[in-house]
Amino acid sequence: MTPWMAELIGTALLVLFGNGVVANVLLPQTKGNNSGWIVIAAGWGLAVYIGAFCSEKYSGAHLNPAVSIAMLVVGKLSLTQTIGYIVAQCIGAFIGASLVYLFYREHFKVAHDRDAKLACFCTAANIKNHRQSFFCELVGTYVLILPILLMIAPTLDLSSLAAVGTAGSEAKIGMGSLGLLPVALLVFGIGLSLGGTTGYAINPARDLIPRLAHEILPIPGKGSSHWDYAWVPVAGPLAGAVLAALTYKILLAS
């Protein structure tokens, strides 16, 4: 399997399980209705783990443009590979979001809360202040990316870049199976501690592309996709990723 296909499949699973738990909690007449924020945070942590262990061997399990951009900044990924990863992640995110809609279609029909329907696809701030939300997304992504870099970047093999896509080379840009659980727990912790303001997108593909799916899918009674906010969970995570990568480079040089 190519790294690009692994990123597509892994991101599709990430969004299916992640947005799926949101739908299970927020949509009416589900078994998990009103089960709360801890269930959502745990579900997203597990979503990261599921998507990652399915793709890590082949692509390093980025599943997030912020991760790929950080790897580009620290010199562990080429520009061409970064673009390919991000395109694959976006396609996977759309597939995952569409599957959530198809799976919970009957519950979308009986739901009247437009904001709850949107939350099954993308994030929104509880208090409208785009600059503050940008800061929250930046910090949330920073504390996602820096620990990942500190944990896995020293083991990455720059010589593997030219060979990515060939048999046996892909694992060199990953974190290894033992590294996946700490990353899943990290996402769980970010959700519990830092997710209450914006819903912790911390992943541009996970927010922007499902937001697009919400816009174009025939969801009954849906409201606005709130495109005025859409730049925040894209720009914030990308800025946080770059800052984390630069911090790592400073630490490495010290």
C-alpha atoms as a PDB file:
ATOM      1  CA  MET A   1       0.000   0.000   0.000  1.00  0.00           C
ATOM      2  CA  THR A   2       1.348   3.436  -0.883  1.00  0.00           C
ATOM      3  CA  PRO A   3       1.794   6.147   1.762  1.00  0.00           C
ATOM      4  CA  TRP A   4      -0.875   8.255   0.059  1.00  0.00           C
ATOM      5  CA  MET A   5      -3.471   5.477   0.226  1.00  0.00           C
ATOM      6  CA  ALA A   6      -2.547   4.796   3.837  1.00  0.00           C
ATOM      7  CA  GLU A   7      -3.103   8.463   4.698  1.00  0.00           C
ATOM      8  CA  LEU A   8      -6.447   8.439   2.874  1.00  0.00           C
ATOM      9  CA  ILE A   9      -7.683   5.318   4.662  1.00  0.00           C
ATOM     10  CA  GLY A  10      -6.302   6.361   8.038  1.00  0.00           C
ATOM     11  CA  THR A  11      -7.868   9.830   7.858  1.00  0.00           C
ATOM     12  CA  ALA A  12     -11.194   8.397   6.703  1.00  0.00           C
ATOM     13  CA  LEU A  13     -11.221   6.114   9.748  1.00  0.00           C
ATOM     14  CA  LEU A  14     -10.159   8.988  12.002  1.00  0.00           C
ATOM     15  CA  VAL A  15     -13.059  11.167  10.864  1.00  0.00           C
ATOM     16  CA  LEU A  16     -15.574   8.309  10.799  1.00  0.00           C
ATOM     17  CA  PHE A  17     -14.878   7.324  14.398  1.00  0.00           C
ATOM     18  CA  GLY A  18     -14.231  10.877  15.632  1.00  0.00           C
ATOM     19  CA  ASN A  19     -17.232  12.599  14.117  1.00  0.00           C
ATOM     20  CA  GLY A  20     -19.183   9.395  14.654  1.00  0.00           C
ATOM     21  CA  VAL A  21     -18.866   9.689  18.428  1.00  0.00           C
ATOM     22  CA  VAL A  22     -20.017  13.322  18.218  1.00  0.00           C
ATOM     23  CA  ALA A  23     -23.083  12.224  16.248  1.00  0.00           C
ATOM     24  CA  ASN A  24     -23.775   9.437  18.742  1.00  0.00           C
ATOM     25  CA  VAL A  25     -23.690  11.909  21.645  1.00  0.00           C
ATOM     26  CA  LEU A  26     -25.479  14.893  20.079  1.00  0.00           C
ATOM     27  CA  LEU A  27     -28.110  13.483  17.729  1.00  0.00           C
ATOM     28  CA  PRO A  28     -31.495  12.470  19.200  1.00  0.00           C
ATOM     29  CA  GLN A  29     -32.645   8.881  19.665  1.00  0.00           C
ATOM     30  CA  THR A  30     -29.173   7.368  19.547  1.00  0.00           C
ATOM     31  CA  LYS A  31     -27.960   4.925  22.195  1.00  0.00           C
ATOM     32  CA  GLY A  32     -25.305   7.433  23.248  1.00  0.00           C
ATOM     33  CA  ASN A  33     -27.433  10.577  23.297  1.00  0.00           C
ATOM     34  CA  ASN A  34     -26.359  13.073  25.974  1.00  0.00           C
ATOM     35  CA  SER A  35     -23.528  10.851  27.215  1.00  0.00           C
ATOM     36  CA  GLY A  36     -21.280  13.889  27.519  1.00  0.00           C
ATOM     37  CA  TRP A  37     -17.967  15.493  26.707  1.00  0.00           C
ATOM     38  CA  ILE A  38     -15.803  12.772  28.217  1.00  0.00           C
ATOM     39  CA  VAL A  39     -17.298  10.264  25.785  1.00  0.00           C
ATOM     40  CA  ILE A  40     -16.526  12.609  22.895  1.00  0.00           C
ATOM     41  CA  ALA A  41     -12.948  13.204  24.053  1.00  0.00           C
ATOM     42  CA  ALA A  42     -12.385   9.477  24.586  1.00  0.00           C
ATOM     43  CA  GLY A  43     -13.934   8.683  21.221  1.00  0.00           C
ATOM     44  CA  TRP A  44     -11.604  11.102  19.449  1.00  0.00           C
ATOM     45  CA  GLY A  45      -8.603   9.637  21.228  1.00  0.00           C
ATOM     46  CA  LEU A  46      -9.614   6.174  20.073  1.00  0.00           C
ATOM     47  CA  ALA A  47     -10.277   7.526  16.581  1.00  0.00           C
ATOM     48  CA  VAL A  48      -6.677   8.714  16.405  1.00  0.00           C
ATOM     49  CA  TYR A  49      -5.441   5.322  17.569  1.00  0.00           C
ATOM     50  CA  ILE A  50      -7.598   3.391  15.076  1.00  0.00           C
ATOM     51  CA  GLY A  51      -6.643   5.562  12.109  1.00  0.00           C
ATOM     52  CA  ALA A  52      -2.994   5.543  13.117  1.00  0.00           C
ATOM     53  CA  PHE A  53      -2.445   1.835  13.652  1.00  0.00           C
ATOM     54  CA  CYS A  54      -4.011   1.109  10.261  1.00  0.00           C
ATOM     55  CA  SER A  55      -1.679   3.497   8.432  1.00  0.00           C
ATOM     56  CA  GLU A  56       1.505   3.841  10.507  1.00  0.00           C
ATOM     57  CA  LYS A  57       3.389   1.035   8.809  1.00  0.00           C
ATOM     58  CA  TYR A  58       2.903   2.568   5.373  1.00  0.00           C
ATOM     59  CA  SER A  59       2.916   6.349   5.864  1.00  0.00           C
ATOM     60  CA  GLY A  60       3.929   7.168   9.420  1.00  0.00           C
ATOM     61  CA  ALA A  61       0.273   7.929  10.257  1.00  0.00           C
ATOM     62  CA  HIS A  62       0.214  11.709   9.979  1.00  0.00           C
ATOM     63  CA  LEU A  63      -3.563  11.923   9.288  1.00  0.00           C
ATOM     64  CA  ASN A  64      -3.288  15.664   9.831  1.00  0.00           C
ATOM     65  CA  PRO A  65      -1.845  18.423   7.616  1.00  0.00           C
ATOM     66  CA  ALA A  66      -0.408  20.043  10.737  1.00  0.00           C
ATOM     67  CA  VAL A  67       1.719  16.957  11.387  1.00  0.00           C
ATOM     68  CA  SER A  68       2.852  16.818   7.756  1.00  0.00           C
ATOM     69  CA  ILE A  69       3.727  20.533   7.750  1.00  0.00           C
ATOM     70  CA  ALA A  70       5.720  20.091  10.954  1.00  0.00           C
ATOM     71  CA  MET A  71       7.639  17.202   9.398  1.00  0.00           C
ATOM     72  CA  LEU A  72       8.343  19.398   6.372  1.00  0.00           C
ATOM     73  CA  VAL A  73       9.665  22.221   8.564  1.00  0.00           C
ATOM     74  CA  VAL A  74      12.034  19.925  10.485  1.00  0.00           C
ATOM     75  CA  GLY A  75      13.265  18.404   7.238  1.00  0.00           C
ATOM     76  CA  LYS A  76      11.761  14.937   7.632  1.00  0.00           C
ATOM     77  CA  LEU A  77       9.439  15.178   4.628  1.00  0.00           C
ATOM     78  CA  SER A  78       9.880  16.699   1.172  1.00  0.00           C
ATOM     79  CA  LEU A  79       7.527  19.339  -0.221  1.00  0.00           C
ATOM     80  CA  THR A  80       6.177  16.920  -2.841  1.00  0.00           C
ATOM     81  CA  GLN A  81       5.485  14.278  -0.223  1.00  0.00           C
ATOM     82  CA  THR A  82       3.856  16.849   2.060  1.00  0.00           C
ATOM     83  CA  ILE A  83       1.465  17.959  -0.675  1.00  0.00           C
ATOM     84  CA  GLY A  84       0.620  14.348  -1.500  1.00  0.00           C
ATOM     85  CA  TYR A  85      -0.038  13.560   2.154  1.00  0.00           C
ATOM     86  CA  ILE A  86      -2.326  16.575   2.583  1.00  0.00           C
ATOM     87  CA  VAL A  87      -4.337  15.809  -0.552  1.00  0.00           C
ATOM     88  CA  ALA A  88      -4.804  12.219   0.608  1.00  0.00           C
ATOM     89  CA  GLN A  89      -5.830  13.389   4.073  1.00  0.00           C
ATOM     90  CA  CYS A  90      -8.442  15.732   2.611  1.00  0.00           C
ATOM     91  CA  ILE A  91      -9.952  13.017   0.411  1.00  0.00           C
ATOM     92  CA  GLY A  92     -10.047  10.651   3.375  1.00  0.00           C
ATOM     93  CA  ALA A  93     -11.691  13.284   5.571  1.00  0.00           C
ATOM     94  CA  PHE A  94     -14.475  13.788   3.031  1.00  0.00           C
ATOM     95  CA  ILE A  95     -15.089  10.053   2.814  1.00  0.00           C
ATOM     96  CA  GLY A  96     -15.188   9.740   6.598  1.00  0.00           C
ATOM     97  CA  ALA A  97     -17.579  12.685   7.001  1.00  0.00           C
ATOM     98  CA  SER A  98     -19.881  11.324   4.298  1.00  0.00           C
ATOM     99  CA  LEU A  99     -19.975   7.941   6.019  1.00  0.00           C
ATOM    100  CA  VAL A 100     -20.993   9.598   9.288  1.00  0.00           C
ATOM    101  CA  TYR A 101     -23.918  11.221   7.504  1.00  0.00           C
ATOM    102  CA  LEU A 102     -24.975   7.981   5.823  1.00  0.00           C
ATOM    103  CA  PHE A 103     -24.644   5.993   9.040  1.00  0.00           C
ATOM    104  CA  TYR A 104     -26.692   8.451  11.155  1.00  0.00           C
ATOM    105  CA  ARG A 105     -29.012   9.513   8.353  1.00  0.00           C
ATOM    106  CA  GLU A 106     -32.243   8.626  10.189  1.00  0.00           C
ATOM    107  CA  HIS A 107     -31.094  10.534  13.270  1.00  0.00           C
ATOM    108  CA  PHE A 108     -30.237  13.616  11.229  1.00  0.00           C
ATOM    109  CA  LYS A 109     -33.837  13.503   9.987  1.00  0.00           C
ATOM    110  CA  VAL A 110     -35.308  13.764  13.479  1.00  0.00           C
ATOM    111  CA  ALA A 111     -32.761  16.289  14.796  1.00  0.00           C
ATOM    112  CA  HIS A 112     -33.908  19.917  15.040  1.00  0.00           C
ATOM    113  CA  ASP A 113     -30.771  21.492  16.507  1.00  0.00           C
ATOM    114  CA  ARG A 114     -28.840  22.888  13.545  1.00  0.00           C
ATOM    115  CA  ASP A 115     -25.734  23.536  15.617  1.00  0.00           C
ATOM    116  CA  ALA A 116     -25.704  19.927  16.793  1.00  0.00           C
ATOM    117  CA  LYS A 117     -25.900  18.755  13.200  1.00  0.00           C
ATOM    118  CA  LEU A 118     -22.976  20.984  12.240  1.00  0.00           C
ATOM    119  CA  ALA A 119     -20.959  19.756  15.227  1.00  0.00           C
ATOM    120  CA  CYS A 120     -21.129  16.244  13.769  1.00  0.00           C
ATOM    121  CA  PHE A 121     -18.900  17.555  10.982  1.00  0.00           C
ATOM    122  CA  CYS A 122     -16.748  20.420  12.251  1.00  0.00           C
ATOM    123  CA  THR A 123     -15.960  22.664  15.184  1.00  0.00           C
ATOM    124  CA  ALA A 124     -17.210  26.006  16.455  1.00  0.00           C
ATOM    125  CA  ALA A 125     -16.325  28.303  19.324  1.00  0.00           C
ATOM    126  CA  ASN A 126     -18.718  28.487  22.270  1.00  0.00           C
ATOM    127  CA  ILE A 127     -17.911  32.188  22.690  1.00  0.00           C
ATOM    128  CA  LYS A 128     -17.524  34.039  19.397  1.00  0.00           C
ATOM    129  CA  ASN A 129     -14.095  35.647  19.310  1.00  0.00           C
ATOM    130  CA  HIS A 130     -12.122  34.557  16.279  1.00  0.00           C
ATOM    131  CA  ARG A 131      -8.771  35.873  17.518  1.00  0.00           C
ATOM    132  CA  GLN A 132      -9.149  34.059  20.832  1.00  0.00           C
ATOM    133  CA  SER A 133     -10.269  30.909  19.014  1.00  0.00           C
ATOM    134  CA  PHE A 134      -7.233  31.163  16.746  1.00  0.00           C
ATOM    135  CA  PHE A 135      -5.027  31.320  19.836  1.00  0.00           C
ATOM    136  CA  CYS A 136      -6.757  28.294  21.366  1.00  0.00           C
ATOM    137  CA  GLU A 137      -6.304  26.252  18.187  1.00  0.00           C
ATOM    138  CA  LEU A 138      -2.678  27.354  17.941  1.00  0.00           C
ATOM    139  CA  VAL A 139      -1.907  26.297  21.515  1.00  0.00           C
ATOM    140  CA  GLY A 140      -3.843  23.038  21.227  1.00  0.00           C
ATOM    141  CA  THR A 141      -1.929  22.073  18.093  1.00  0.00           C
ATOM    142  CA  TYR A 142       1.393  23.230  19.514  1.00  0.00           C
ATOM    143  CA  VAL A 143       1.027  20.864  22.466  1.00  0.00           C
ATOM    144  CA  LEU A 144       0.042  18.092  20.064  1.00  0.00           C
ATOM    145  CA  ILE A 145       2.938  18.512  17.641  1.00  0.00           C
ATOM    146  CA  LEU A 146       5.835  19.288  19.978  1.00  0.00           C
ATOM    147  CA  PRO A 147       5.430  16.102  22.067  1.00  0.00           C
ATOM    148  CA  ILE A 148       5.125  14.070  18.869  1.00  0.00           C
ATOM    149  CA  LEU A 149       8.346  15.570  17.535  1.00  0.00           C
ATOM    150  CA  LEU A 150      10.147  15.062  20.824  1.00  0.00           C
ATOM    151  CA  MET A 151       9.026  11.457  20.912  1.00  0.00           C
ATOM    152  CA  ILE A 152       9.567  10.345  17.318  1.00  0.00           C
ATOM    153  CA  ALA A 153      11.672  12.800  15.331  1.00  0.00           C
ATOM    154  CA  PRO A 154      15.070  11.614  16.631  1.00  0.00           C
ATOM    155  CA  THR A 155      14.319   8.154  15.211  1.00  0.00           C
ATOM    156  CA  LEU A 156      13.337   9.365  11.755  1.00  0.00           C
ATOM    157  CA  ASP A 157      15.666   8.505   8.892  1.00  0.00           C
ATOM    158  CA  LEU A 158      16.253  11.329   6.422  1.00  0.00           C
ATOM    159  CA  SER A 159      17.643   8.825   3.940  1.00  0.00           C
ATOM    160  CA  SER A 160      14.225   7.230   3.702  1.00  0.00           C
ATOM    161  CA  LEU A 161      12.717  10.300   2.018  1.00  0.00           C
ATOM    162  CA  ALA A 162      13.875   9.335  -1.451  1.00  0.00           C
ATOM    163  CA  ALA A 163      12.596   5.808  -0.983  1.00  0.00           C
ATOM    164  CA  VAL A 164       9.161   6.448   0.486  1.00  0.00           C
ATOM    165  CA  GLY A 165       6.638   4.388  -1.413  1.00  0.00           C
ATOM    166  CA  THR A 166       8.955   1.421  -1.830  1.00  0.00           C
ATOM    167  CA  ALA A 167       8.607  -1.761   0.161  1.00  0.00           C
ATOM    168  CA  GLY A 168       9.949  -1.519   3.690  1.00  0.00           C
ATOM    169  CA  SER A 169      10.766   2.202   3.640  1.00  0.00           C
ATOM    170  CA  GLU A 170       7.580   3.728   4.942  1.00  0.00           C
ATOM    171  CA  ALA A 171       7.988   2.683   8.584  1.00  0.00           C
ATOM    172  CA  LYS A 172      11.135   4.810   8.824  1.00  0.00           C
ATOM    173  CA  ILE A 173       9.045   7.975   8.848  1.00  0.00           C
ATOM    174  CA  GLY A 174       6.619   6.673  11.459  1.00  0.00           C
ATOM    175  CA  MET A 175       6.619   6.394  15.229  1.00  0.00           C
ATOM    176  CA  GLY A 176       6.310   2.648  15.637  1.00  0.00           C
ATOM    177  CA  SER A 177       3.304   0.854  17.069  1.00  0.00           C
ATOM    178  CA  LEU A 178       4.319   1.577  20.674  1.00  0.00           C
ATOM    179  CA  GLY A 179       4.194   5.306  19.960  1.00  0.00           C
ATOM    180  CA  LEU A 180       0.572   5.281  18.858  1.00  0.00           C
ATOM    181  CA  LEU A 181      -1.015   4.863  22.283  1.00  0.00           C
ATOM    182  CA  PRO A 182       0.748   7.892  23.815  1.00  0.00           C
ATOM    183  CA  VAL A 183      -0.387  10.030  20.882  1.00  0.00           C
ATOM    184  CA  ALA A 184      -3.974   8.817  21.309  1.00  0.00           C
ATOM    185  CA  LEU A 185      -3.786   9.627  25.021  1.00  0.00           C
ATOM    186  CA  LEU A 186      -2.327  13.025  24.164  1.00  0.00           C
ATOM    187  CA  VAL A 187      -5.337  13.796  21.953  1.00  0.00           C
ATOM    188  CA  PHE A 188      -7.642  12.544  24.723  1.00  0.00           C
ATOM    189  CA  GLY A 189      -5.895  14.859  27.187  1.00  0.00           C
ATOM    190  CA  ILE A 190      -6.108  17.848  24.848  1.00  0.00           C
ATOM    191  CA  GLY A 191      -9.824  17.231  24.497  1.00  0.00           C
ATOM    192  CA  LEU A 192     -10.363  17.040  28.257  1.00  0.00           C
ATOM    193  CA  SER A 193      -8.174  20.012  29.172  1.00  0.00           C
ATOM    194  CA  LEU A 194      -8.183  22.341  26.159  1.00  0.00           C
ATOM    195  CA  GLY A 195     -11.197  21.317  24.101  1.00  0.00           C
ATOM    196  CA  GLY A 196     -13.868  23.348  25.862  1.00  0.00           C
ATOM    197  CA  THR A 197     -13.429  26.592  23.938  1.00  0.00           C
ATOM    198  CA  THR A 198     -13.345  25.646  20.257  1.00  0.00           C
ATOM    199  CA  GLY A 199     -13.904  21.888  20.185  1.00  0.00           C
ATOM    200  CA  TYR A 200     -10.155  21.348  19.493  1.00  0.00           C
ATOM    201  CA  ALA A 201      -9.995  20.824  15.758  1.00  0.00           C
ATOM    202  CA  ILE A 202      -6.137  20.742  15.893  1.00  0.00           C
ATOM    203  CA  ASN A 203      -6.310  19.300  12.376  1.00  0.00           C
ATOM    204  CA  PRO A 204      -7.228  21.389   9.301  1.00  0.00           C
ATOM    205  CA  ALA A 205      -8.386  18.390   7.242  1.00  0.00           C
ATOM    206  CA  ARG A 206     -10.574  17.123  10.071  1.00  0.00           C
ATOM    207  CA  ASP A 207     -12.458  20.436  10.178  1.00  0.00           C
ATOM    208  CA  LEU A 208     -12.384  22.099   6.754  1.00  0.00           C
ATOM    209  CA  ILE A 209     -13.273  19.081   4.632  1.00  0.00           C
ATOM    210  CA  PRO A 210     -16.138  17.782   6.815  1.00  0.00           C
ATOM    211  CA  ARG A 211     -17.415  21.373   6.869  1.00  0.00           C
ATOM    212  CA  LEU A 212     -17.470  21.189   3.075  1.00  0.00           C
ATOM    213  CA  ALA A 213     -19.303  17.860   3.331  1.00  0.00           C
ATOM    214  CA  HIS A 214     -21.888  19.523   5.582  1.00  0.00           C
ATOM    215  CA  GLU A 215     -22.318  22.217   2.947  1.00  0.00           C
ATOM    216  CA  ILE A 216     -22.975  19.875   0.033  1.00  0.00           C
ATOM    217  CA  LEU A 217     -24.591  16.770   1.558  1.00  0.00           C
ATOM    218  CA  PRO A 218     -28.425  16.671   1.569  1.00  0.00           C
ATOM    219  CA  ILE A 219     -28.752  16.918   5.354  1.00  0.00           C
ATOM    220  CA  PRO A 220     -32.382  17.700   6.221  1.00  0.00           C
ATOM    221  CA  GLY A 221     -32.943  20.943   8.100  1.00  0.00           C
ATOM    222  CA  LYS A 222     -29.282  21.882   8.249  1.00  0.00           C
ATOM    223  CA  GLY A 223     -28.210  25.434   8.912  1.00  0.00           C
ATOM    224  CA  SER A 224     -25.180  27.445   7.948  1.00  0.00           C
ATOM    225  CA  SER A 225     -21.771  25.813   7.650  1.00  0.00           C
ATOM    226  CA  HIS A 226     -20.321  28.999   9.231  1.00  0.00           C
ATOM    227  CA  TRP A 227     -17.642  29.663   6.665  1.00  0.00           C
ATOM    228  CA  ASP A 228     -16.777  32.911   8.443  1.00  0.00           C
ATOM    229  CA  TYR A 229     -15.162  30.743  11.135  1.00  0.00           C
ATOM    230  CA  ALA A 230     -13.624  28.128   8.828  1.00  0.00           C
ATOM    231  CA  TRP A 231     -10.239  29.851   8.599  1.00  0.00           C
ATOM    232  CA  VAL A 232      -9.651  29.544  12.355  1.00  0.00           C
ATOM    233  CA  PRO A 233      -9.321  25.723  12.596  1.00  0.00           C
ATOM    234  CA  VAL A 234      -7.081  25.831   9.527  1.00  0.00           C
ATOM    235  CA  ALA A 235      -4.783  28.760  10.297  1.00  0.00           C
ATOM    236  CA  GLY A 236      -4.542  28.092  14.032  1.00  0.00           C
ATOM    237  CA  PRO A 237      -3.338  24.475  13.723  1.00  0.00           C
ATOM    238  CA  LEU A 238      -0.930  25.296  10.906  1.00  0.00           C
ATOM    239  CA  ALA A 239       0.586  28.154  12.910  1.00  0.00           C
ATOM    240  CA  GLY A 240       0.837  25.932  15.977  1.00  0.00           C
ATOM    241  CA  ALA A 241       2.514  23.200  13.951  1.00  0.00           C
ATOM    242  CA  VAL A 242       5.126  25.574  12.514  1.00  0.00           C
ATOM    243  CA  LEU A 243       5.873  27.042  15.949  1.00  0.00           C
ATOM    244  CA  ALA A 244       6.204  23.567  17.438  1.00  0.00           C
ATOM    245  CA  ALA A 245       8.565  22.523  14.650  1.00  0.00           C
ATOM    246  CA  LEU A 246      10.691  25.643  15.124  1.00  0.00           C
ATOM    247  CA  THR A 247      10.771  25.029  18.875  1.00  0.00           C
ATOM    248  CA  TYR A 248      11.944  21.488  18.238  1.00  0.00           C
ATOM    249  CA  LYS A 249      14.718  22.726  15.954  1.00  0.00           C
ATOM    250  CA  ILE A 250      15.860  25.202  18.627  1.00  0.00           C
ATOM    251  CA  LEU A 251      15.839  22.464  21.265  1.00  0.00           C
ATOM    252  CA  LEU A 252      17.743  20.157  18.943  1.00  0.00           C
ATOM    253  CA  ALA A 253      20.402  22.808  18.359  1.00  0.00           C
ATOM    254  CA  SER A 254      20.803  23.656  22.049  1.00  0.00           C
END
